[in-house]
C-alpha atoms as a PDB file:
ATOM      1  CA  MET A   1       0.000   0.000   0.000  1.00  0.00           C
ATOM      2  CA  ALA A   2       1.063   3.586  -0.518  1.00  0.00           C
ATOM      3  CA  ARG A   3       2.715   5.330   2.408  1.00  0.00           C
ATOM      4  CA  ARG A   4       2.242   9.044   3.072  1.00  0.00           C
ATOM      5  CA  THR A   5       5.276  11.220   3.629  1.00  0.00           C
ATOM      6  CA  ASP A   6       5.816  14.878   4.463  1.00  0.00           C
ATOM      7  CA  ARG A   7       9.266  14.828   2.890  1.00  0.00           C
ATOM      8  CA  HIS A   8       9.736  16.834  -0.266  1.00  0.00           C
ATOM      9  CA  PRO A   9      10.899  14.832  -3.297  1.00  0.00           C
ATOM     10  CA  ASP A  10      14.389  15.037  -4.725  1.00  0.00           C
ATOM     11  CA  PRO A  11      14.034  15.945  -8.420  1.00  0.00           C
ATOM     12  CA  ALA A  12      17.734  15.233  -8.949  1.00  0.00           C
ATOM     13  CA  ASP A  13      17.435  11.579  -7.848  1.00  0.00           C
ATOM     14  CA  PRO A  14      19.357   9.702 -10.596  1.00  0.00           C
ATOM     15  CA  ARG A  15      16.845   6.818 -10.500  1.00  0.00           C
ATOM     16  CA  ILE A  16      14.188   9.055 -12.070  1.00  0.00           C
ATOM     17  CA  GLY A  17      14.133   8.420 -15.799  1.00  0.00           C
ATOM     18  CA  ALA A  18      10.742   9.964 -16.542  1.00  0.00           C
ATOM     19  CA  PRO A  19       9.468  12.839 -14.391  1.00  0.00           C
ATOM     20  CA  PHE A  20       5.898  13.858 -15.263  1.00  0.00           C
ATOM     21  CA  PHE A  21       4.056  17.038 -14.270  1.00  0.00           C
ATOM     22  CA  SER A  22       0.328  17.549 -14.683  1.00  0.00           C
ATOM     23  CA  THR A  23      -2.274  20.094 -13.575  1.00  0.00           C
ATOM     24  CA  TRP A  24      -5.833  19.651 -12.357  1.00  0.00           C
ATOM     25  CA  ARG A  25      -8.272  22.536 -12.028  1.00  0.00           C
ATOM     26  CA  VAL A  26     -10.669  21.900  -9.119  1.00  0.00           C
ATOM     27  CA  GLY A  27     -12.212  25.323  -8.515  1.00  0.00           C
ATOM     28  CA  THR A  28     -11.913  26.371  -4.855  1.00  0.00           C
ATOM     29  CA  PRO A  29      -9.588  25.994  -1.843  1.00  0.00           C
ATOM     30  CA  GLU A  30     -12.197  23.736  -0.213  1.00  0.00           C
ATOM     31  CA  ARG A  31     -12.231  21.451  -3.246  1.00  0.00           C
ATOM     32  CA  GLN A  32      -8.433  21.454  -3.320  1.00  0.00           C
ATOM     33  CA  LYS A  33      -8.484  19.887   0.163  1.00  0.00           C
ATOM     34  CA  GLU A  34     -11.261  17.446  -0.741  1.00  0.00           C
ATOM     35  CA  VAL A  35      -9.428  16.229  -3.845  1.00  0.00           C
ATOM     36  CA  VAL A  36      -6.127  15.823  -1.988  1.00  0.00           C
ATOM     37  CA  GLU A  37      -7.838  13.700   0.668  1.00  0.00           C
ATOM     38  CA  ALA A  38      -9.590  11.658  -2.016  1.00  0.00           C
ATOM     39  CA  ILE A  39      -6.251  11.005  -3.727  1.00  0.00           C
ATOM     40  CA  GLY A  40      -4.688   9.938  -0.436  1.00  0.00           C
ATOM     41  CA  ARG A  41      -7.532   7.546   0.435  1.00  0.00           C
ATOM     42  CA  THR A  42      -7.632   6.078  -3.051  1.00  0.00           C
ATOM     43  CA  TRP A  43      -3.934   5.307  -3.116  1.00  0.00           C
ATOM     44  CA  GLU A  44      -3.608   4.137   0.483  1.00  0.00           C
ATOM     45  CA  ARG A  45      -6.258   1.430   0.098  1.00  0.00           C
ATOM     46  CA  ARG A  46      -4.466  -0.133  -2.873  1.00  0.00           C
ATOM     47  CA  ALA A  47      -1.148  -1.868  -3.385  1.00  0.00           C
ATOM     48  CA  TRP A  48       1.654   0.298  -4.712  1.00  0.00           C
ATOM     49  CA  PRO A  49       1.051  -0.017  -8.472  1.00  0.00           C
ATOM     50  CA  ALA A  50       4.537  -0.403  -9.925  1.00  0.00           C
ATOM     51  CA  ARG A  51       8.161  -0.870  -8.933  1.00  0.00           C
ATOM     52  CA  GLY A  52       8.976   1.786 -11.500  1.00  0.00           C
ATOM     53  CA  LEU A  53       7.049   4.487  -9.612  1.00  0.00           C
ATOM     54  CA  LEU A  54       9.416   6.088  -7.114  1.00  0.00           C
ATOM     55  CA  GLY A  55       7.065   8.725  -5.729  1.00  0.00           C
ATOM     56  CA  TYR A  56       3.904  10.718  -6.371  1.00  0.00           C
ATOM     57  CA  HIS A  57       3.510  14.238  -4.975  1.00  0.00           C
ATOM     58  CA  VAL A  58       0.656  16.730  -5.031  1.00  0.00           C
ATOM     59  CA  TYR A  59       0.866  20.501  -4.556  1.00  0.00           C
ATOM     60  CA  ALA A  60      -1.880  23.049  -3.921  1.00  0.00           C
ATOM     61  CA  GLY A  61      -1.703  26.153  -6.076  1.00  0.00           C
ATOM     62  CA  GLU A  62      -1.613  29.532  -4.377  1.00  0.00           C
ATOM     63  CA  ASP A  63      -4.460  30.498  -6.721  1.00  0.00           C
ATOM     64  CA  GLY A  64      -6.814  28.319  -4.643  1.00  0.00           C
ATOM     65  CA  GLU A  65      -8.116  26.391  -7.645  1.00  0.00           C
ATOM     66  CA  THR A  66      -5.354  24.193  -9.087  1.00  0.00           C
ATOM     67  CA  LEU A  67      -3.382  21.127  -8.065  1.00  0.00           C
ATOM     68  CA  LEU A  68       0.022  20.209  -9.471  1.00  0.00           C
ATOM     69  CA  HIS A  69       0.975  16.533  -9.709  1.00  0.00           C
ATOM     70  CA  TYR A  70       4.598  15.418  -9.891  1.00  0.00           C
ATOM     71  CA  SER A  71       5.227  11.711 -10.450  1.00  0.00           C
ATOM     72  CA  GLN A  72       8.701  10.206 -10.490  1.00  0.00           C
ATOM     73  CA  TRP A  73       8.977   7.222 -12.838  1.00  0.00           C
ATOM     74  CA  ALA A  74      11.980   5.053 -13.594  1.00  0.00           C
ATOM     75  CA  SER A  75      10.923   4.959 -17.244  1.00  0.00           C
ATOM     76  CA  GLU A  76       8.100   5.900 -19.568  1.00  0.00           C
ATOM     77  CA  GLN A  77       7.427   2.184 -20.075  1.00  0.00           C
ATOM     78  CA  ALA A  78       6.643   1.837 -16.368  1.00  0.00           C
ATOM     79  CA  TYR A  79       4.138   4.685 -16.639  1.00  0.00           C
ATOM     80  CA  GLU A  80       2.476   3.226 -19.736  1.00  0.00           C
ATOM     81  CA  ALA A  81       2.038  -0.115 -17.955  1.00  0.00           C
ATOM     82  CA  PHE A  82       0.420   1.701 -15.020  1.00  0.00           C
ATOM     83  CA  VAL A  83      -1.990   3.476 -17.373  1.00  0.00           C
ATOM     84  CA  LYS A  84      -3.088   0.155 -18.871  1.00  0.00           C
ATOM     85  CA  THR A  85      -3.672  -1.629 -15.563  1.00  0.00           C
ATOM     86  CA  HIS A  86      -4.147   0.714 -12.593  1.00  0.00           C
ATOM     87  CA  ARG A  87      -4.776   4.348 -13.529  1.00  0.00           C
ATOM     88  CA  GLN A  88      -8.458   4.319 -14.493  1.00  0.00           C
ATOM     89  CA  GLU A  89      -9.724   2.735 -11.272  1.00  0.00           C
ATOM     90  CA  ARG A  90      -7.970   5.452  -9.297  1.00  0.00           C
ATOM     91  CA  VAL A  91      -9.337   8.209 -11.521  1.00  0.00           C
ATOM     92  CA  ASP A  92     -12.861   6.826 -11.229  1.00  0.00           C
ATOM     93  CA  GLU A  93     -12.751   6.665  -7.434  1.00  0.00           C
ATOM     94  CA  ILE A  94     -11.399  10.203  -7.116  1.00  0.00           C
ATOM     95  CA  ASP A  95     -13.988  11.553  -9.570  1.00  0.00           C
ATOM     96  CA  THR A  96     -16.775   9.817  -7.670  1.00  0.00           C
ATOM     97  CA  ALA A  97     -15.620  11.431  -4.414  1.00  0.00           C
ATOM     98  CA  VAL A  98     -15.192  14.907  -5.963  1.00  0.00           C
ATOM     99  CA  PRO A  99     -16.979  15.282  -9.321  1.00  0.00           C
ATOM    100  CA  GLY A 100     -16.085  17.968 -11.833  1.00  0.00           C
ATOM    101  CA  ILE A 101     -12.268  17.855 -11.807  1.00  0.00           C
ATOM    102  CA  GLU A 102     -10.736  19.303 -14.973  1.00  0.00           C
ATOM    103  CA  ARG A 103      -7.497  17.583 -15.955  1.00  0.00           C
ATOM    104  CA  VAL A 104      -5.711  20.360 -17.819  1.00  0.00           C
ATOM    105  CA  ALA A 105      -2.466  18.880 -19.127  1.00  0.00           C
ATOM    106  CA  LEU A 106       0.213  16.238 -18.624  1.00  0.00           C
ATOM    107  CA  HIS A 107       3.765  16.984 -19.775  1.00  0.00           C
ATOM    108  CA  ARG A 108       6.690  14.574 -19.914  1.00  0.00           C
ATOM    109  CA  TYR A 109      10.201  15.704 -19.069  1.00  0.00           C
ATOM    110  CA  ARG A 110      13.744  14.602 -18.387  1.00  0.00           C
ATOM    111  CA  HIS A 111      15.729  16.082 -15.524  1.00  0.00           C
ATOM    112  CA  TYR A 112      18.593  18.105 -16.950  1.00  0.00           C
ATOM    113  CA  ARG A 113      20.535  20.088 -14.360  1.00  0.00           C
ATOM    114  CA  SER A 114      20.167  21.343 -10.794  1.00  0.00           C
ATOM    115  CA  VAL A 115      21.785  24.074  -8.763  1.00  0.00           C
ATOM    116  CA  ALA A 116      21.606  24.375  -4.980  1.00  0.00           C
ATOM    117  CA  ARG A 117      22.076  27.670  -3.172  1.00  0.00           C
ATOM    118  CA  GLU A 118      21.322  26.443   0.368  1.00  0.00           C
ATOM    119  CA  GLU A 119      21.396  22.654   0.521  1.00  0.00           C
ATOM    120  CA  GLY A 120      19.626  20.958   3.404  1.00  0.00           C
ATOM    121  CA  ARG A 121      16.919  23.597   3.857  1.00  0.00           C
ATOM    122  CA  VAL A 122      13.291  22.425   3.890  1.00  0.00           C
ATOM    123  CA  PRO A 123      11.326  24.381   1.288  1.00  0.00           C
ATOM    124  CA  GLY A 124       8.149  26.136   2.348  1.00  0.00           C
ATOM    125  CA  CYS A 125       7.179  26.895  -1.224  1.00  0.00           C
ATOM    126  CA  VAL A 126       7.707  25.329  -4.646  1.00  0.00           C
ATOM    127  CA  VAL A 127       7.775  27.691  -7.607  1.00  0.00           C
ATOM    128  CA  ILE A 128       7.107  26.226 -11.037  1.00  0.00           C
ATOM    129  CA  VAL A 129       8.494  28.203 -13.963  1.00  0.00           C
ATOM    130  CA  ASP A 130       6.973  26.809 -17.143  1.00  0.00           C
ATOM    131  CA  VAL A 131       8.559  28.030 -20.374  1.00  0.00           C
ATOM    132  CA  GLU A 132       7.378  27.240 -23.895  1.00  0.00           C
ATOM    133  CA  PHE A 133       9.273  27.754 -27.153  1.00  0.00           C
ATOM    134  CA  GLU A 134       8.183  27.937 -30.785  1.00  0.00           C
ATOM    135  CA  GLY A 135       8.765  24.581 -32.450  1.00  0.00           C
ATOM    136  CA  ALA A 136      10.596  21.489 -31.257  1.00  0.00           C
ATOM    137  CA  ASP A 137      14.322  22.057 -30.717  1.00  0.00           C
ATOM    138  CA  PRO A 138      15.977  20.069 -27.882  1.00  0.00           C
ATOM    139  CA  GLU A 139      19.276  21.896 -28.367  1.00  0.00           C
ATOM    140  CA  ARG A 140      17.545  25.248 -27.837  1.00  0.00           C
ATOM    141  CA  LEU A 141      16.046  23.962 -24.582  1.00  0.00           C
ATOM    142  CA  ARG A 142      19.457  22.921 -23.276  1.00  0.00           C
ATOM    143  CA  GLY A 143      20.991  26.220 -24.325  1.00  0.00           C
ATOM    144  CA  TRP A 144      18.306  28.259 -22.578  1.00  0.00           C
ATOM    145  CA  ALA A 145      18.504  26.213 -19.369  1.00  0.00           C
ATOM    146  CA  ASP A 146      22.296  26.552 -19.372  1.00  0.00           C
ATOM    147  CA  ALA A 147      21.924  30.318 -19.824  1.00  0.00           C
ATOM    148  CA  VAL A 148      19.561  30.565 -16.841  1.00  0.00           C
ATOM    149  CA  LEU A 149      21.918  28.557 -14.652  1.00  0.00           C
ATOM    150  CA  ASP A 150      24.843  30.730 -15.732  1.00  0.00           C
ATOM    151  CA  ALA A 151      22.810  33.830 -14.853  1.00  0.00           C
ATOM    152  CA  LEU A 152      21.862  32.401 -11.462  1.00  0.00           C
ATOM    153  CA  GLU A 153      25.429  31.474 -10.622  1.00  0.00           C
ATOM    154  CA  SER A 154      26.752  34.899 -11.669  1.00  0.00           C
ATOM    155  CA  GLU A 155      24.036  36.863  -9.831  1.00  0.00           C
ATOM    156  CA  PRO A 156      25.885  39.692  -8.039  1.00  0.00           C
ATOM    157  CA  ASP A 157      23.349  40.044  -5.222  1.00  0.00           C
ATOM    158  CA  PRO A 158      21.120  36.951  -5.030  1.00  0.00           C
ATOM    159  CA  HIS A 159      17.783  37.374  -3.277  1.00  0.00           C
ATOM    160  CA  PRO A 160      17.539  35.530   0.060  1.00  0.00           C
ATOM    161  CA  GLY A 161      15.250  32.541   0.360  1.00  0.00           C
ATOM    162  CA  GLY A 162      16.115  30.602  -2.775  1.00  0.00           C
ATOM    163  CA  ILE A 163      17.139  27.001  -2.025  1.00  0.00           C
ATOM    164  CA  CYS A 164      17.387  24.922  -5.219  1.00  0.00           C
ATOM    165  CA  ALA A 165      16.471  25.037  -8.897  1.00  0.00           C
ATOM    166  CA  HIS A 166      15.870  21.834 -10.865  1.00  0.00           C
ATOM    167  CA  PHE A 167      15.611  22.187 -14.640  1.00  0.00           C
ATOM    168  CA  HIS A 168      13.616  19.697 -16.717  1.00  0.00           C
ATOM    169  CA  LEU A 169      13.482  19.521 -20.519  1.00  0.00           C
ATOM    170  CA  GLY A 170      10.268  18.486 -22.256  1.00  0.00           C
ATOM    171  CA  THR A 171      10.483  15.306 -24.285  1.00  0.00           C
ATOM    172  CA  ASP A 172       8.547  17.043 -27.090  1.00  0.00           C
ATOM    173  CA  GLY A 173      11.388  19.567 -27.501  1.00  0.00           C
ATOM    174  CA  THR A 174       9.237  22.648 -26.804  1.00  0.00           C
ATOM    175  CA  ARG A 175       9.190  23.153 -23.017  1.00  0.00           C
ATOM    176  CA  VAL A 176      11.450  23.771 -20.026  1.00  0.00           C
ATOM    177  CA  LEU A 177      10.195  23.428 -16.454  1.00  0.00           C
ATOM    178  CA  ASN A 178      12.118  24.801 -13.501  1.00  0.00           C
ATOM    179  CA  TYR A 179      11.089  23.218 -10.197  1.00  0.00           C
ATOM    180  CA  ALA A 180      12.425  25.842  -7.794  1.00  0.00           C
ATOM    181  CA  GLU A 181      12.434  25.429  -4.030  1.00  0.00           C
ATOM    182  CA  TRP A 182      12.080  28.525  -1.866  1.00  0.00           C
ATOM    183  CA  GLU A 183      12.163  29.084   1.871  1.00  0.00           C
ATOM    184  CA  SER A 184       8.666  30.568   1.731  1.00  0.00           C
ATOM    185  CA  ALA A 185       6.112  32.061  -0.630  1.00  0.00           C
ATOM    186  CA  ARG A 186       6.841  35.456   0.955  1.00  0.00           C
ATOM    187  CA  ALA A 187      10.556  35.156   0.138  1.00  0.00           C
ATOM    188  CA  HIS A 188       9.743  34.485  -3.511  1.00  0.00           C
ATOM    189  CA  ALA A 189       7.145  37.275  -3.668  1.00  0.00           C
ATOM    190  CA  ASP A 190       9.657  39.705  -2.152  1.00  0.00           C
ATOM    191  CA  ALA A 191      12.257  38.635  -4.717  1.00  0.00           C
ATOM    192  CA  LEU A 192       9.804  39.277  -7.568  1.00  0.00           C
ATOM    193  CA  ALA A 193       8.952  42.690  -6.143  1.00  0.00           C
ATOM    194  CA  ALA A 194      12.579  43.751  -5.625  1.00  0.00           C
ATOM    195  CA  PRO A 195      13.765  46.947  -7.314  1.00  0.00           C
ATOM    196  CA  GLY A 196      14.637  46.644 -10.994  1.00  0.00           C
ATOM    197  CA  ASP A 197      13.570  43.376 -12.595  1.00  0.00           C
ATOM    198  CA  GLY A 198      13.182  41.379  -9.382  1.00  0.00           C
ATOM    199  CA  VAL A 199      14.281  37.762  -9.745  1.00  0.00           C
ATOM    200  CA  GLY A 200      16.787  37.921 -12.538  1.00  0.00           C
ATOM    201  CA  SER A 201      18.447  41.309 -12.182  1.00  0.00           C
ATOM    202  CA  ALA A 202      19.407  43.654 -15.018  1.00  0.00           C
ATOM    203  CA  THR A 203      22.655  41.915 -15.935  1.00  0.00           C
ATOM    204  CA  ALA A 204      23.756  40.980 -19.439  1.00  0.00           C
ATOM    205  CA  ALA A 205      23.316  37.294 -18.519  1.00  0.00           C
ATOM    206  CA  TRP A 206      19.669  37.757 -17.534  1.00  0.00           C
ATOM    207  CA  ARG A 207      18.991  39.972 -20.552  1.00  0.00           C
ATOM    208  CA  ARG A 208      20.254  37.117 -22.742  1.00  0.00           C
ATOM    209  CA  VAL A 209      17.825  34.726 -21.014  1.00  0.00           C
ATOM    210  CA  ARG A 210      14.835  37.012 -21.515  1.00  0.00           C
ATOM    211  CA  GLU A 211      15.629  37.650 -25.190  1.00  0.00           C
ATOM    212  CA  TRP A 212      16.325  34.025 -26.139  1.00  0.00           C
ATOM    213  CA  PRO A 213      15.237  33.318 -29.742  1.00  0.00           C
ATOM    214  CA  GLY A 214      11.979  31.401 -30.058  1.00  0.00           C
ATOM    215  CA  LEU A 215      10.794  32.085 -26.509  1.00  0.00           C
ATOM    216  CA  ARG A 216       6.982  32.001 -26.726  1.00  0.00           C
ATOM    217  CA  SER A 217       5.692  32.199 -23.155  1.00  0.00           C
ATOM    218  CA  SER A 218       6.714  31.909 -19.528  1.00  0.00           C
ATOM    219  CA  THR A 219       4.509  31.415 -16.466  1.00  0.00           C
ATOM    220  CA  VAL A 220       5.438  31.459 -12.785  1.00  0.00           C
ATOM    221  CA  ARG A 221       3.191  29.821 -10.173  1.00  0.00           C
ATOM    222  CA  ARG A 222       3.652  29.134  -6.476  1.00  0.00           C
ATOM    223  CA  TYR A 223       2.603  25.891  -4.788  1.00  0.00           C
ATOM    224  CA  GLU A 224       2.545  24.223  -1.372  1.00  0.00           C
ATOM    225  CA  HIS A 225       3.457  20.543  -1.019  1.00  0.00           C
ATOM    226  CA  VAL A 226       0.334  18.923   0.453  1.00  0.00           C
ATOM    227  CA  LEU A 227       0.634  15.186  -0.219  1.00  0.00           C
ATOM    228  CA  GLY A 228       3.511  12.803  -0.734  1.00  0.00           C
ATOM    229  CA  LEU A 229       3.005   9.116  -1.556  1.00  0.00           C
ATOM    230  CA  VAL A 230       5.874   6.628  -1.692  1.00  0.00           C
ATOM    231  CA  PRO A 231       6.228   2.815  -1.766  1.00  0.00           C
ATOM    232  CA  PRO A 232       5.587   1.144   1.619  1.00  0.00           C
ATOM    233  CA  HIS A 233       9.209   0.102   1.954  1.00  0.00           C
ATOM    234  CA  GLY A 234      10.765   2.892  -0.141  1.00  0.00           C
END
């Protein structure tokens, strides 16, 4: 059976071959809580579905209406086997408990690089930076992620509160996701509101990031880790 944990996942765990992120829109803060509890009950009453699933984590959006799901798979094949045999019964039970969930999108990634500013700190907030580019170009994704990491590492006066940044490249060649851990939502909000350009100051390195060719859109959303599920003996 699934075991609940309060521990945040490690996106840089080398065993993870296929990290997936998806979003559900549930409508209200009350429904966020109801859906999270329904997920927990549904998973806890069943056997852990696959050896290839290392962990499944759910985050409540600061907007009060969305949930982010982060599943850590050893391989895409392990996920596809789960879909064929175990996924639908879980979906049906959750939808029966809380009808009307909108499943917005599922995106597949590979972990690329991570940088830690204050290792060992427990994050109070997870910030998801979701970047989309025009057309599939894996090399462009790697170049942009490298440029962001270079800008972070050369930041002359880094804002306090940042812990780690974990960059993931979309398998479709069009997306980059930064799973960033912060001390608190307030620390991240203060960094965004800092004089100048906030997070990502007015250096040449950050200007290069913002003007990267083919950059279509970028969204930044804050989340709280509200449910962790891991194998019973993991």
